Amino acid sequence: MGEIPVMNDLEFQTQADAFMSQLLDAMESLDPDEVDADLQMGVLSMEFADGSKCIMNRQTAAHQIWLAHGASAWHFAMDDTNARWMDTKNRGAVEDVLSGILSQKLGREIVLGSSA
């Protein structure tokens, strides 16, 4: 029986941090008065003009990226088939979910891009 290669914790952290850094870079074009984004130690924090927050962080033990906004939460795992972070409940890719949150909060379409 062949074993499926499993990502170790350091590989996960490196991959998750690089991905969140790409998302932060994509948000650089947004007005900081509308959304102030910051990435530190595996946590991407976004604060909106109304004071609400959206938090993305890596969960090393689960090898997932978690996203929380308001009363909603998502858990994303790497889908090796298409090399994207996909919601574990089939609610889409993390870039699409975050783009939707930003679009709703800023009142215009925001597209962060995808790795597809």
Protein backbone atom coordinates (compact mmCIF):
# COMPACT_ATOMS: atom_id res chain seq x y z
CA MET A 1 0.00 0.00 0.00
CA GLY A 2 1.37 3.38 -1.00
CA GLU A 3 1.05 6.14 1.54
CA ILE A 4 -0.28 9.57 0.67
CA PRO A 5 2.36 12.19 1.48
CA VAL A 6 1.32 14.29 4.44
CA MET A 7 2.42 17.88 4.94
CA ASN A 8 4.36 18.38 8.15
CA ASP A 9 3.66 21.31 10.50
CA LEU A 10 6.53 23.46 9.22
CA GLU A 11 5.48 22.95 5.59
CA PHE A 12 1.91 23.85 6.52
CA GLN A 13 2.97 27.01 8.38
CA THR A 14 5.20 28.10 5.49
CA GLN A 15 2.46 27.49 2.92
CA ALA A 16 -0.31 29.11 5.00
CA ASP A 17 1.80 32.17 5.87
CA ALA A 18 2.79 32.68 2.22
CA PHE A 19 -0.86 32.43 1.18
CA MET A 20 -2.03 34.94 3.80
CA SER A 21 0.80 37.27 2.79
CA GLN A 22 -0.48 37.11 -0.81
CA LEU A 23 -3.97 38.01 0.40
CA LEU A 24 -2.57 40.95 2.38
CA ASP A 25 -0.69 42.13 -0.73
CA ALA A 26 -3.92 41.90 -2.75
CA MET A 27 -5.66 44.12 -0.17
CA GLU A 28 -2.98 46.83 -0.40
CA SER A 29 -5.02 48.57 -3.11
CA LEU A 30 -7.98 49.00 -0.74
CA ASP A 31 -8.44 52.26 1.17
CA PRO A 32 -7.07 51.76 4.71
CA ASP A 33 -9.92 53.96 5.98
CA GLU A 34 -12.33 51.27 4.71
CA VAL A 35 -10.37 48.20 5.81
CA ASP A 36 -7.16 48.11 7.80
CA ALA A 37 -5.41 44.78 7.30
CA ASP A 38 -2.42 43.43 9.21
CA LEU A 39 -0.61 40.08 9.21
CA GLN A 40 1.40 38.97 12.23
CA MET A 41 2.38 35.54 13.51
CA GLY A 42 -0.08 33.59 11.37
CA VAL A 43 -3.04 35.91 11.98
CA LEU A 44 -4.49 38.16 9.27
CA SER A 45 -6.65 40.79 10.99
CA MET A 46 -8.98 43.05 9.06
CA GLU A 47 -10.82 45.92 10.73
CA PHE A 48 -13.54 47.78 8.87
CA ALA A 49 -14.60 51.44 9.14
CA ASP A 50 -17.62 50.42 11.25
CA GLY A 51 -15.31 48.76 13.80
CA SER A 52 -16.24 45.18 12.86
CA LYS A 53 -13.46 42.68 12.30
CA CYS A 54 -12.66 39.70 10.14
CA ILE A 55 -9.93 37.36 11.36
CA MET A 56 -8.05 34.69 9.42
CA ASN A 57 -5.55 32.46 11.14
CA ARG A 58 -3.66 29.26 10.62
CA GLN A 59 -4.54 26.27 12.74
CA THR A 60 -1.37 24.19 12.65
CA ALA A 61 -2.73 21.18 14.54
CA ALA A 62 -5.55 20.78 12.01
CA HIS A 63 -3.51 22.00 9.00
CA GLN A 64 -6.33 24.41 8.21
CA ILE A 65 -6.85 28.12 7.71
CA TRP A 66 -9.77 29.45 9.72
CA LEU A 67 -11.77 32.58 8.88
CA ALA A 68 -14.27 34.31 11.16
CA HIS A 69 -16.52 37.27 10.47
CA GLY A 70 -19.49 38.18 12.61
CA ALA A 71 -21.34 35.01 13.55
CA SER A 72 -19.91 33.04 10.61
CA ALA A 73 -16.83 30.85 10.55
CA TRP A 74 -15.12 28.81 7.86
CA HIS A 75 -12.40 26.15 7.97
CA PHE A 76 -10.28 25.76 4.84
CA ALA A 77 -8.06 22.79 4.03
CA MET A 78 -5.65 22.47 1.14
CA ASP A 79 -7.27 20.63 -1.75
CA ASP A 80 -4.35 18.96 -3.47
CA THR A 81 -6.45 18.30 -6.57
CA ASN A 82 -6.61 21.99 -7.49
CA ALA A 83 -4.01 23.41 -5.06
CA ARG A 84 -6.50 25.75 -3.38
CA TRP A 85 -7.61 26.28 0.20
CA MET A 86 -11.21 25.01 0.11
CA ASP A 87 -13.91 25.21 2.78
CA THR A 88 -14.41 21.88 4.52
CA LYS A 89 -18.20 22.28 4.15
CA ASN A 90 -18.00 22.94 0.40
CA ARG A 91 -18.70 26.67 0.66
CA GLY A 92 -15.91 27.64 -1.73
CA ALA A 93 -12.30 28.74 -1.89
CA VAL A 94 -10.94 31.08 0.75
CA GLU A 95 -10.24 33.85 -1.80
CA ASP A 96 -13.86 33.76 -2.97
CA VAL A 97 -15.31 33.76 0.56
CA LEU A 98 -13.06 36.64 1.66
CA SER A 99 -13.83 38.58 -1.55
CA GLY A 100 -17.54 38.19 -0.72
CA ILE A 101 -17.05 39.51 2.82
CA LEU A 102 -15.02 42.48 1.58
CA SER A 103 -17.56 43.20 -1.20
CA GLN A 104 -20.41 43.20 1.30
CA LYS A 105 -18.58 45.38 3.83
CA LEU A 106 -17.25 47.91 1.27
CA GLY A 107 -20.36 48.06 -0.88
CA ARG A 108 -18.63 47.24 -4.16
CA GLU A 109 -17.25 44.16 -5.85
CA ILE A 110 -13.86 43.12 -4.52
CA VAL A 111 -12.03 40.25 -6.23
CA LEU A 112 -8.86 39.06 -4.53
CA GLY A 113 -8.08 36.61 -7.28
CA SER A 114 -7.73 32.88 -7.14
CA SER A 115 -5.07 30.27 -7.53
CA ALA A 116 -7.12 28.24 -10.00
